[in-house]
Structures are given as structure tokens and as C-alpha cells.
Amino acid sequence: MSGRDRIRVELNDEHSAALRALVEAGTYPSVEAIIGQALETWQASRLVHGYTPEEIGRLWDEGQASGDLIDGDEAFRQIREEFQAGLRKAV
């Protein structure tokens, strides 16, 4: 298996001319390279640390609904205390 797939796409004259101009100017080696980079950029814009914008929105909403906010330093202080208390119990 080659890992490649041929897809036929029809473009309007403006898009087609823009692709040809980029290749002719030497900006890209081929139309395939332009499309590949465009798809990679599109995919990257949809993901933030592996999450889609919809997932981030859902996680934000869950966080907002989870209770009162506390300072980050205070949260880590509490986590350290709970961890150390757990260690003392284990000994």
C-alpha cells in the first residue's frame, strides 16, 4: 500500500490560478504540497493540545460548574498537603 490516495477536486478559476502561481513562483514544488500544507494548518487550528474547540468549550463549562475558584498557588499547596498526609499514613 502506497499511503496515498488520488482525489479529484474542481476549483474555481481564481483558486486554480493561485495554486499555479505559487508553483510557478517556486514557493511550493507542487499543488499537492500546497494542499497538504493547507490541510495540516487546518487540522492544527482545530486542535489545541489534542482537544477540539468544542471539547475545550465543554471542559470550560465543566470547570465553571465545578464550584468556587481558588488561586492556583493555593490549589497546589492543598495538593501537596494531601499528598504528604497520604505518605505519612503509608509509613
PDB file of N, CA and C in Angstrom:
ATOM      1  N   MET A   1       0.844  -1.191   0.000  1.00  0.00           N
ATOM      2  CA  MET A   1       0.000   0.000   0.000  1.00  0.00           C
ATOM      3  C   MET A   1       0.886   1.250   0.000  1.00  0.00           C
ATOM      4  N   SER A   2       0.563   2.225  -0.832  1.00  0.00           N
ATOM      5  CA  SER A   2       1.429   3.383  -1.001  1.00  0.00           C
ATOM      6  C   SER A   2       1.187   4.476   0.032  1.00  0.00           C
ATOM      7  N   GLY A   3       0.069   4.463   0.730  1.00  0.00           N
ATOM      8  CA  GLY A   3      -0.219   5.511   1.696  1.00  0.00           C
ATOM      9  C   GLY A   3      -0.670   6.803   1.044  1.00  0.00           C
ATOM     10  N   ARG A   4      -1.043   6.710  -0.203  1.00  0.00           N
ATOM     11  CA  ARG A   4      -1.509   7.897  -0.934  1.00  0.00           C
ATOM     12  C   ARG A   4      -2.853   7.573  -1.575  1.00  0.00           C
ATOM     13  N   ASP A   5      -3.652   8.597  -1.738  1.00  0.00           N
ATOM     14  CA  ASP A   5      -4.959   8.432  -2.345  1.00  0.00           C
ATOM     15  C   ASP A   5      -5.162   9.561  -3.347  1.00  0.00           C
ATOM     16  N   ARG A   6      -5.678   9.234  -4.492  1.00  0.00           N
ATOM     17  CA  ARG A   6      -5.938  10.251  -5.511  1.00  0.00           C
ATOM     18  C   ARG A   6      -7.370  10.752  -5.341  1.00  0.00           C
ATOM     19  N   ILE A   7      -7.493  12.068  -5.237  1.00  0.00           N
ATOM     20  CA  ILE A   7      -8.807  12.701  -5.078  1.00  0.00           C
ATOM     21  C   ILE A   7      -8.922  13.786  -6.145  1.00  0.00           C
ATOM     22  N   ARG A   8     -10.029  13.807  -6.819  1.00  0.00           N
ATOM     23  CA  ARG A   8     -10.256  14.832  -7.851  1.00  0.00           C
ATOM     24  C   ARG A   8     -11.061  15.967  -7.227  1.00  0.00           C
ATOM     25  N   VAL A   9     -10.565  17.185  -7.412  1.00  0.00           N
ATOM     26  CA  VAL A   9     -11.222  18.367  -6.859  1.00  0.00           C
ATOM     27  C   VAL A   9     -11.365  19.396  -7.972  1.00  0.00           C
ATOM     28  N   GLU A  10     -12.541  19.983  -8.079  1.00  0.00           N
ATOM     29  CA  GLU A  10     -12.748  21.050  -9.055  1.00  0.00           C
ATOM     30  C   GLU A  10     -12.716  22.384  -8.319  1.00  0.00           C
ATOM     31  N   LEU A  11     -11.877  23.296  -8.826  1.00  0.00           N
ATOM     32  CA  LEU A  11     -11.708  24.610  -8.217  1.00  0.00           C
ATOM     33  C   LEU A  11     -12.195  25.696  -9.158  1.00  0.00           C
ATOM     34  N   ASN A  12     -12.555  26.830  -8.581  1.00  0.00           N
ATOM     35  CA  ASN A  12     -12.911  27.952  -9.447  1.00  0.00           C
ATOM     36  C   ASN A  12     -11.624  28.518 -10.060  1.00  0.00           C
ATOM     37  N   ASP A  13     -11.767  29.369 -11.066  1.00  0.00           N
ATOM     38  CA  ASP A  13     -10.604  29.890 -11.803  1.00  0.00           C
ATOM     39  C   ASP A  13      -9.629  30.636 -10.888  1.00  0.00           C
ATOM     40  N   GLU A  14     -10.142  31.377  -9.934  1.00  0.00           N
ATOM     41  CA  GLU A  14      -9.294  32.166  -9.032  1.00  0.00           C
ATOM     42  C   GLU A  14      -8.407  31.251  -8.177  1.00  0.00           C
ATOM     43  N   HIS A  15      -8.996  30.216  -7.591  1.00  0.00           N
ATOM     44  CA  HIS A  15      -8.223  29.289  -6.764  1.00  0.00           C
ATOM     45  C   HIS A  15      -7.207  28.519  -7.597  1.00  0.00           C
ATOM     46  N   SER A  16      -7.621  28.089  -8.755  1.00  0.00           N
ATOM     47  CA  SER A  16      -6.736  27.345  -9.637  1.00  0.00           C
ATOM     48  C   SER A  16      -5.533  28.204 -10.049  1.00  0.00           C
ATOM     49  N   ALA A  17      -5.790  29.459 -10.389  1.00  0.00           N
ATOM     50  CA  ALA A  17      -4.714  30.370 -10.789  1.00  0.00           C
ATOM     51  C   ALA A  17      -3.769  30.634  -9.622  1.00  0.00           C
ATOM     52  N   ALA A  18      -4.302  30.755  -8.424  1.00  0.00           N
ATOM     53  CA  ALA A  18      -3.464  30.992  -7.244  1.00  0.00           C
ATOM     54  C   ALA A  18      -2.542  29.808  -6.991  1.00  0.00           C
ATOM     55  N   LEU A  19      -3.060  28.601  -7.129  1.00  0.00           N
ATOM     56  CA  LEU A  19      -2.227  27.409  -6.940  1.00  0.00           C
ATOM     57  C   LEU A  19      -1.117  27.344  -7.984  1.00  0.00           C
ATOM     58  N   ARG A  20      -1.484  27.565  -9.251  1.00  0.00           N
ATOM     59  CA  ARG A  20      -0.483  27.525 -10.326  1.00  0.00           C
ATOM     60  C   ARG A  20       0.594  28.592 -10.108  1.00  0.00           C
ATOM     61  N   ALA A  21       0.189  29.788  -9.677  1.00  0.00           N
ATOM     62  CA  ALA A  21       1.139  30.873  -9.462  1.00  0.00           C
ATOM     63  C   ALA A  21       2.141  30.535  -8.359  1.00  0.00           C
ATOM     64  N   LEU A  22       1.676  29.898  -7.298  1.00  0.00           N
ATOM     65  CA  LEU A  22       2.581  29.506  -6.210  1.00  0.00           C
ATOM     66  C   LEU A  22       3.604  28.473  -6.664  1.00  0.00           C
ATOM     67  N   VAL A  23       3.170  27.543  -7.490  1.00  0.00           N
ATOM     68  CA  VAL A  23       4.092  26.526  -8.006  1.00  0.00           C
ATOM     69  C   VAL A  23       5.060  27.163  -8.999  1.00  0.00           C
ATOM     70  N   GLU A  24       4.557  27.990  -9.910  1.00  0.00           N
ATOM     71  CA  GLU A  24       5.407  28.628 -10.921  1.00  0.00           C
ATOM     72  C   GLU A  24       6.434  29.564 -10.280  1.00  0.00           C
ATOM     73  N   ALA A  25       6.073  30.190  -9.161  1.00  0.00           N
ATOM     74  CA  ALA A  25       6.999  31.091  -8.469  1.00  0.00           C
ATOM     75  C   ALA A  25       8.043  30.323  -7.663  1.00  0.00           C
ATOM     76  N   GLY A  26       7.856  29.022  -7.540  1.00  0.00           N
ATOM     77  CA  GLY A  26       8.800  28.214  -6.779  1.00  0.00           C
ATOM     78  C   GLY A  26       8.531  28.213  -5.280  1.00  0.00           C
ATOM     79  N   THR A  27       7.414  28.784  -4.877  1.00  0.00           N
ATOM     80  CA  THR A  27       7.060  28.813  -3.458  1.00  0.00           C
ATOM     81  C   THR A  27       6.778  27.409  -2.949  1.00  0.00           C
ATOM     82  N   TYR A  28       6.167  26.597  -3.787  1.00  0.00           N
ATOM     83  CA  TYR A  28       5.872  25.193  -3.477  1.00  0.00           C
ATOM     84  C   TYR A  28       6.299  24.343  -4.666  1.00  0.00           C
ATOM     85  N   PRO A  29       6.697  23.109  -4.408  1.00  0.00           N
ATOM     86  CA  PRO A  29       7.115  22.253  -5.518  1.00  0.00           C
ATOM     87  C   PRO A  29       5.951  21.706  -6.336  1.00  0.00           C
ATOM     88  N   SER A  30       4.753  21.685  -5.733  1.00  0.00           N
ATOM     89  CA  SER A  30       3.605  21.110  -6.440  1.00  0.00           C
ATOM     90  C   SER A  30       2.306  21.578  -5.786  1.00  0.00           C
ATOM     91  N   VAL A  31       1.229  21.392  -6.520  1.00  0.00           N
ATOM     92  CA  VAL A  31      -0.100  21.682  -5.975  1.00  0.00           C
ATOM     93  C   VAL A  31      -0.375  20.763  -4.791  1.00  0.00           C
ATOM     94  N   GLU A  32       0.075  19.512  -4.890  1.00  0.00           N
ATOM     95  CA  GLU A  32      -0.121  18.550  -3.791  1.00  0.00           C
ATOM     96  C   GLU A  32       0.514  19.062  -2.504  1.00  0.00           C
ATOM     97  N   ALA A  33       1.694  19.686  -2.624  1.00  0.00           N
ATOM     98  CA  ALA A  33       2.372  20.222  -1.442  1.00  0.00           C
ATOM     99  C   ALA A  33       1.572  21.363  -0.823  1.00  0.00           C
ATOM    100  N   ILE A  34       0.974  22.189  -1.664  1.00  0.00           N
ATOM    101  CA  ILE A  34       0.157  23.295  -1.158  1.00  0.00           C
ATOM    102  C   ILE A  34      -1.052  22.756  -0.410  1.00  0.00           C
ATOM    103  N   ILE A  35      -1.746  21.810  -1.032  1.00  0.00           N
ATOM    104  CA  ILE A  35      -2.939  21.233  -0.411  1.00  0.00           C
ATOM    105  C   ILE A  35      -2.568  20.518   0.889  1.00  0.00           C
ATOM    106  N   GLY A  36      -1.449  19.783   0.872  1.00  0.00           N
ATOM    107  CA  GLY A  36      -1.000  19.089   2.081  1.00  0.00           C
ATOM    108  C   GLY A  36      -0.749  20.048   3.228  1.00  0.00           C
ATOM    109  N   GLN A  37      -0.044  21.155   2.935  1.00  0.00           N
ATOM    110  CA  GLN A  37       0.222  22.131   3.999  1.00  0.00           C
ATOM    111  C   GLN A  37      -1.064  22.801   4.458  1.00  0.00           C
ATOM    112  N   ALA A  38      -1.955  23.101   3.535  1.00  0.00           N
ATOM    113  CA  ALA A  38      -3.232  23.722   3.909  1.00  0.00           C
ATOM    114  C   ALA A  38      -4.026  22.809   4.844  1.00  0.00           C
ATOM    115  N   LEU A  39      -4.040  21.515   4.547  1.00  0.00           N
ATOM    116  CA  LEU A  39      -4.758  20.568   5.404  1.00  0.00           C
ATOM    117  C   LEU A  39      -4.100  20.445   6.777  1.00  0.00           C
ATOM    118  N   GLU A  40      -2.765  20.423   6.817  1.00  0.00           N
ATOM    119  CA  GLU A  40      -2.070  20.349   8.101  1.00  0.00           C
ATOM    120  C   GLU A  40      -2.356  21.591   8.944  1.00  0.00           C
ATOM    121  N   THR A  41      -2.353  22.764   8.307  1.00  0.00           N
ATOM    122  CA  THR A  41      -2.647  24.009   9.018  1.00  0.00           C
ATOM    123  C   THR A  41      -4.077  24.007   9.522  1.00  0.00           C
ATOM    124  N   TRP A  42      -4.999  23.539   8.706  1.00  0.00           N
ATOM    125  CA  TRP A  42      -6.402  23.462   9.113  1.00  0.00           C
ATOM    126  C   TRP A  42      -6.563  22.522  10.304  1.00  0.00           C
ATOM    127  N   GLN A  43      -5.931  21.350  10.229  1.00  0.00           N
ATOM    128  CA  GLN A  43      -6.030  20.388  11.329  1.00  0.00           C
ATOM    129  C   GLN A  43      -5.442  20.970  12.610  1.00  0.00           C
ATOM    130  N   ALA A  44      -4.299  21.628  12.506  1.00  0.00           N
ATOM    131  CA  ALA A  44      -3.659  22.209  13.693  1.00  0.00           C
ATOM    132  C   ALA A  44      -4.533  23.292  14.305  1.00  0.00           C
ATOM    133  N   SER A  45      -5.231  24.057  13.472  1.00  0.00           N
ATOM    134  CA  SER A  45      -6.084  25.125  14.001  1.00  0.00           C
ATOM    135  C   SER A  45      -7.292  24.566  14.732  1.00  0.00           C
ATOM    136  N   ARG A  46      -7.641  23.334  14.460  1.00  0.00           N
ATOM    137  CA  ARG A  46      -8.790  22.708  15.114  1.00  0.00           C
ATOM    138  C   ARG A  46      -8.417  22.008  16.401  1.00  0.00           C
ATOM    139  N   LEU A  47      -7.138  21.815  16.637  1.00  0.00           N
ATOM    140  CA  LEU A  47      -6.716  21.092  17.824  1.00  0.00           C
ATOM    141  C   LEU A  47      -5.827  21.962  18.703  1.00  0.00           C
ATOM    142  N   VAL A  48      -6.086  21.948  19.972  1.00  0.00           N
ATOM    143  CA  VAL A  48      -5.247  22.613  20.955  1.00  0.00           C
ATOM    144  C   VAL A  48      -4.899  21.558  21.981  1.00  0.00           C
ATOM    145  N   HIS A  49      -3.658  21.132  21.982  1.00  0.00           N
ATOM    146  CA  HIS A  49      -3.204  20.061  22.875  1.00  0.00           C
ATOM    147  C   HIS A  49      -4.097  18.836  22.757  1.00  0.00           C
ATOM    148  N   GLY A  50      -4.501  18.522  21.545  1.00  0.00           N
ATOM    149  CA  GLY A  50      -5.282  17.314  21.302  1.00  0.00           C
ATOM    150  C   GLY A  50      -6.780  17.487  21.485  1.00  0.00           C
ATOM    151  N   TYR A  51      -7.235  18.685  21.802  1.00  0.00           N
ATOM    152  CA  TYR A  51      -8.665  18.925  22.016  1.00  0.00           C
ATOM    153  C   TYR A  51      -9.233  19.786  20.895  1.00  0.00           C
ATOM    154  N   THR A  52     -10.440  19.471  20.476  1.00  0.00           N
ATOM    155  CA  THR A  52     -11.124  20.320  19.500  1.00  0.00           C
ATOM    156  C   THR A  52     -11.693  21.532  20.234  1.00  0.00           C
ATOM    157  N   PRO A  53     -12.013  22.590  19.515  1.00  0.00           N
ATOM    158  CA  PRO A  53     -12.638  23.746  20.169  1.00  0.00           C
ATOM    159  C   PRO A  53     -13.913  23.372  20.932  1.00  0.00           C
ATOM    160  N   GLU A  54     -14.675  22.423  20.398  1.00  0.00           N
ATOM    161  CA  GLU A  54     -15.901  22.002  21.082  1.00  0.00           C
ATOM    162  C   GLU A  54     -15.582  21.331  22.410  1.00  0.00           C
ATOM    163  N   GLU A  55     -14.545  20.482  22.417  1.00  0.00           N
ATOM    164  CA  GLU A  55     -14.152  19.808  23.652  1.00  0.00           C
ATOM    165  C   GLU A  55     -13.633  20.816  24.680  1.00  0.00           C
ATOM    166  N   ILE A  56     -12.875  21.782  24.225  1.00  0.00           N
ATOM    167  CA  ILE A  56     -12.376  22.816  25.139  1.00  0.00           C
ATOM    168  C   ILE A  56     -13.539  23.584  25.737  1.00  0.00           C
ATOM    169  N   GLY A  57     -14.533  23.908  24.915  1.00  0.00           N
ATOM    170  CA  GLY A  57     -15.719  24.603  25.430  1.00  0.00           C
ATOM    171  C   GLY A  57     -16.443  23.783  26.479  1.00  0.00           C
ATOM    172  N   ARG A  58     -16.572  22.485  26.222  1.00  0.00           N
ATOM    173  CA  ARG A  58     -17.243  21.607  27.186  1.00  0.00           C
ATOM    174  C   ARG A  58     -16.450  21.526  28.484  1.00  0.00           C
ATOM    175  N   LEU A  59     -15.134  21.383  28.368  1.00  0.00           N
ATOM    176  CA  LEU A  59     -14.295  21.330  29.563  1.00  0.00           C
ATOM    177  C   LEU A  59     -14.344  22.637  30.347  1.00  0.00           C
ATOM    178  N   TRP A  60     -14.385  23.748  29.642  1.00  0.00           N
ATOM    179  CA  TRP A  60     -14.505  25.059  30.292  1.00  0.00           C
ATOM    180  C   TRP A  60     -15.807  25.121  31.083  1.00  0.00           C
ATOM    181  N   ASP A  61     -16.888  24.702  30.432  1.00  0.00           N
ATOM    182  CA  ASP A  61     -18.192  24.725  31.104  1.00  0.00           C
ATOM    183  C   ASP A  61     -18.186  23.834  32.342  1.00  0.00           C
ATOM    184  N   GLU A  62     -17.580  22.652  32.234  1.00  0.00           N
ATOM    185  CA  GLU A  62     -17.483  21.748  33.389  1.00  0.00           C
ATOM    186  C   GLU A  62     -16.698  22.402  34.519  1.00  0.00           C
ATOM    187  N   GLY A  63     -15.616  23.064  34.167  1.00  0.00           N
ATOM    188  CA  GLY A  63     -14.804  23.739  35.180  1.00  0.00           C
ATOM    189  C   GLY A  63     -15.573  24.847  35.869  1.00  0.00           C
ATOM    190  N   GLN A  64     -16.311  25.621  35.091  1.00  0.00           N
ATOM    191  CA  GLN A  64     -17.100  26.710  35.665  1.00  0.00           C
ATOM    192  C   GLN A  64     -18.178  26.180  36.605  1.00  0.00           C
ATOM    193  N   ALA A  65     -18.734  25.022  36.254  1.00  0.00           N
ATOM    194  CA  ALA A  65     -19.825  24.452  37.059  1.00  0.00           C
ATOM    195  C   ALA A  65     -19.307  23.653  38.256  1.00  0.00           C
ATOM    196  N   SER A  66     -17.990  23.457  38.355  1.00  0.00           N
ATOM    197  CA  SER A  66     -17.452  22.568  39.392  1.00  0.00           C
ATOM    198  C   SER A  66     -17.346  23.207  40.765  1.00  0.00           C
ATOM    199  N   GLY A  67     -17.580  24.485  40.867  1.00  0.00           N
ATOM    200  CA  GLY A  67     -17.525  25.113  42.190  1.00  0.00           C
ATOM    201  C   GLY A  67     -16.732  26.399  42.170  1.00  0.00           C
ATOM    202  N   ASP A  68     -16.507  26.903  43.385  1.00  0.00           N
ATOM    203  CA  ASP A  68     -15.789  28.164  43.525  1.00  0.00           C
ATOM    204  C   ASP A  68     -14.352  28.041  43.041  1.00  0.00           C
ATOM    205  N   LEU A  69     -13.858  29.128  42.483  1.00  0.00           N
ATOM    206  CA  LEU A  69     -12.484  29.160  42.004  1.00  0.00           C
ATOM    207  C   LEU A  69     -11.547  29.389  43.173  1.00  0.00           C
ATOM    208  N   ILE A  70     -10.351  28.795  43.095  1.00  0.00           N
ATOM    209  CA  ILE A  70      -9.324  29.084  44.082  1.00  0.00           C
ATOM    210  C   ILE A  70      -8.045  29.430  43.346  1.00  0.00           C
ATOM    211  N   ASP A  71      -7.180  30.145  44.018  1.00  0.00           N
ATOM    212  CA  ASP A  71      -5.906  30.558  43.460  1.00  0.00           C
ATOM    213  C   ASP A  71      -5.068  29.326  43.121  1.00  0.00           C
ATOM    214  N   GLY A  72      -4.331  29.366  42.026  1.00  0.00           N
ATOM    215  CA  GLY A  72      -3.508  28.236  41.609  1.00  0.00           C
ATOM    216  C   GLY A  72      -2.475  27.839  42.646  1.00  0.00           C
ATOM    217  N   ASP A  73      -1.806  28.841  43.242  1.00  0.00           N
ATOM    218  CA  ASP A  73      -0.817  28.534  44.281  1.00  0.00           C
ATOM    219  C   ASP A  73      -1.482  27.840  45.462  1.00  0.00           C
ATOM    220  N   GLU A  74      -2.659  28.295  45.835  1.00  0.00           N
ATOM    221  CA  GLU A  74      -3.397  27.681  46.931  1.00  0.00           C
ATOM    222  C   GLU A  74      -3.792  26.252  46.578  1.00  0.00           C
ATOM    223  N   ALA A  75      -4.208  26.027  45.348  1.00  0.00           N
ATOM    224  CA  ALA A  75      -4.590  24.678  44.918  1.00  0.00           C
ATOM    225  C   ALA A  75      -3.398  23.731  45.026  1.00  0.00           C
ATOM    226  N   PHE A  76      -2.226  24.166  44.560  1.00  0.00           N
ATOM    227  CA  PHE A  76      -1.046  23.307  44.645  1.00  0.00           C
ATOM    228  C   PHE A  76      -0.618  23.086  46.091  1.00  0.00           C
ATOM    229  N   ARG A  77      -0.778  24.092  46.953  1.00  0.00           N
ATOM    230  CA  ARG A  77      -0.460  23.920  48.368  1.00  0.00           C
ATOM    231  C   ARG A  77      -1.328  22.823  48.968  1.00  0.00           C
ATOM    232  N   GLN A  78      -2.634  22.863  48.638  1.00  0.00           N
ATOM    233  CA  GLN A  78      -3.551  21.845  49.153  1.00  0.00           C
ATOM    234  C   GLN A  78      -3.203  20.455  48.614  1.00  0.00           C
ATOM    235  N   ILE A  79      -2.851  20.383  47.358  1.00  0.00           N
ATOM    236  CA  ILE A  79      -2.480  19.089  46.765  1.00  0.00           C
ATOM    237  C   ILE A  79      -1.238  18.529  47.455  1.00  0.00           C
ATOM    238  N   ARG A  80      -0.227  19.397  47.682  1.00  0.00           N
ATOM    239  CA  ARG A  80       0.988  18.948  48.369  1.00  0.00           C
ATOM    240  C   ARG A  80       0.671  18.443  49.769  1.00  0.00           C
ATOM    241  N   GLU A  81      -0.183  19.183  50.484  1.00  0.00           N
ATOM    242  CA  GLU A  81      -0.560  18.764  51.841  1.00  0.00           C
ATOM    243  C   GLU A  81      -1.241  17.405  51.828  1.00  0.00           C
ATOM    244  N   GLU A  82      -2.182  17.214  50.913  1.00  0.00           N
ATOM    245  CA  GLU A  82      -2.884  15.926  50.824  1.00  0.00           C
ATOM    246  C   GLU A  82      -1.931  14.797  50.444  1.00  0.00           C
ATOM    247  N   PHE A  83      -1.001  15.070  49.556  1.00  0.00           N
ATOM    248  CA  PHE A  83      -0.031  14.075  49.149  1.00  0.00           C
ATOM    249  C   PHE A  83       0.866  13.692  50.334  1.00  0.00           C
ATOM    250  N   GLN A  84       1.379  14.699  51.037  1.00  0.00           N
ATOM    251  CA  GLN A  84       2.247  14.432  52.186  1.00  0.00           C
ATOM    252  C   GLN A  84       1.499  13.697  53.288  1.00  0.00           C
ATOM    253  N   ALA A  85       0.238  14.048  53.501  1.00  0.00           N
ATOM    254  CA  ALA A  85      -0.556  13.326  54.508  1.00  0.00           C
ATOM    255  C   ALA A  85      -0.722  11.873  54.101  1.00  0.00           C
ATOM    256  N   GLY A  86      -0.922  11.615  52.838  1.00  0.00           N
ATOM    257  CA  GLY A  86      -1.040  10.252  52.345  1.00  0.00           C
ATOM    258  C   GLY A  86       0.249   9.471  52.530  1.00  0.00           C
ATOM    259  N   LEU A  87       1.378  10.138  52.321  1.00  0.00           N
ATOM    260  CA  LEU A  87       2.676   9.489  52.533  1.00  0.00           C
ATOM    261  C   LEU A  87       2.873   9.131  54.005  1.00  0.00           C
ATOM    262  N   ARG A  88       2.474  10.040  54.898  1.00  0.00           N
ATOM    263  CA  ARG A  88       2.631   9.777  56.336  1.00  0.00           C
ATOM    264  C   ARG A  88       1.787   8.585  56.760  1.00  0.00           C
ATOM    265  N   LYS A  89       0.583   8.446  56.189  1.00  0.00           N
ATOM    266  CA  LYS A  89      -0.285   7.315  56.517  1.00  0.00           C
ATOM    267  C   LYS A  89       0.295   5.996  56.003  1.00  0.00           C
ATOM    268  N   ALA A  90       0.993   6.070  54.872  1.00  0.00           N
ATOM    269  CA  ALA A  90       1.537   4.858  54.257  1.00  0.00           C
ATOM    270  C   ALA A  90       2.748   4.332  55.021  1.00  0.00           C
ATOM    271  N   VAL A  91       3.392   5.183  55.806  1.00  0.00           N
ATOM    272  CA  VAL A  91       4.616   4.761  56.520  1.00  0.00           C
ATOM    273  C   VAL A  91       4.286   4.099  57.816  1.00  0.00           C
TER     274      VAL A  91
END
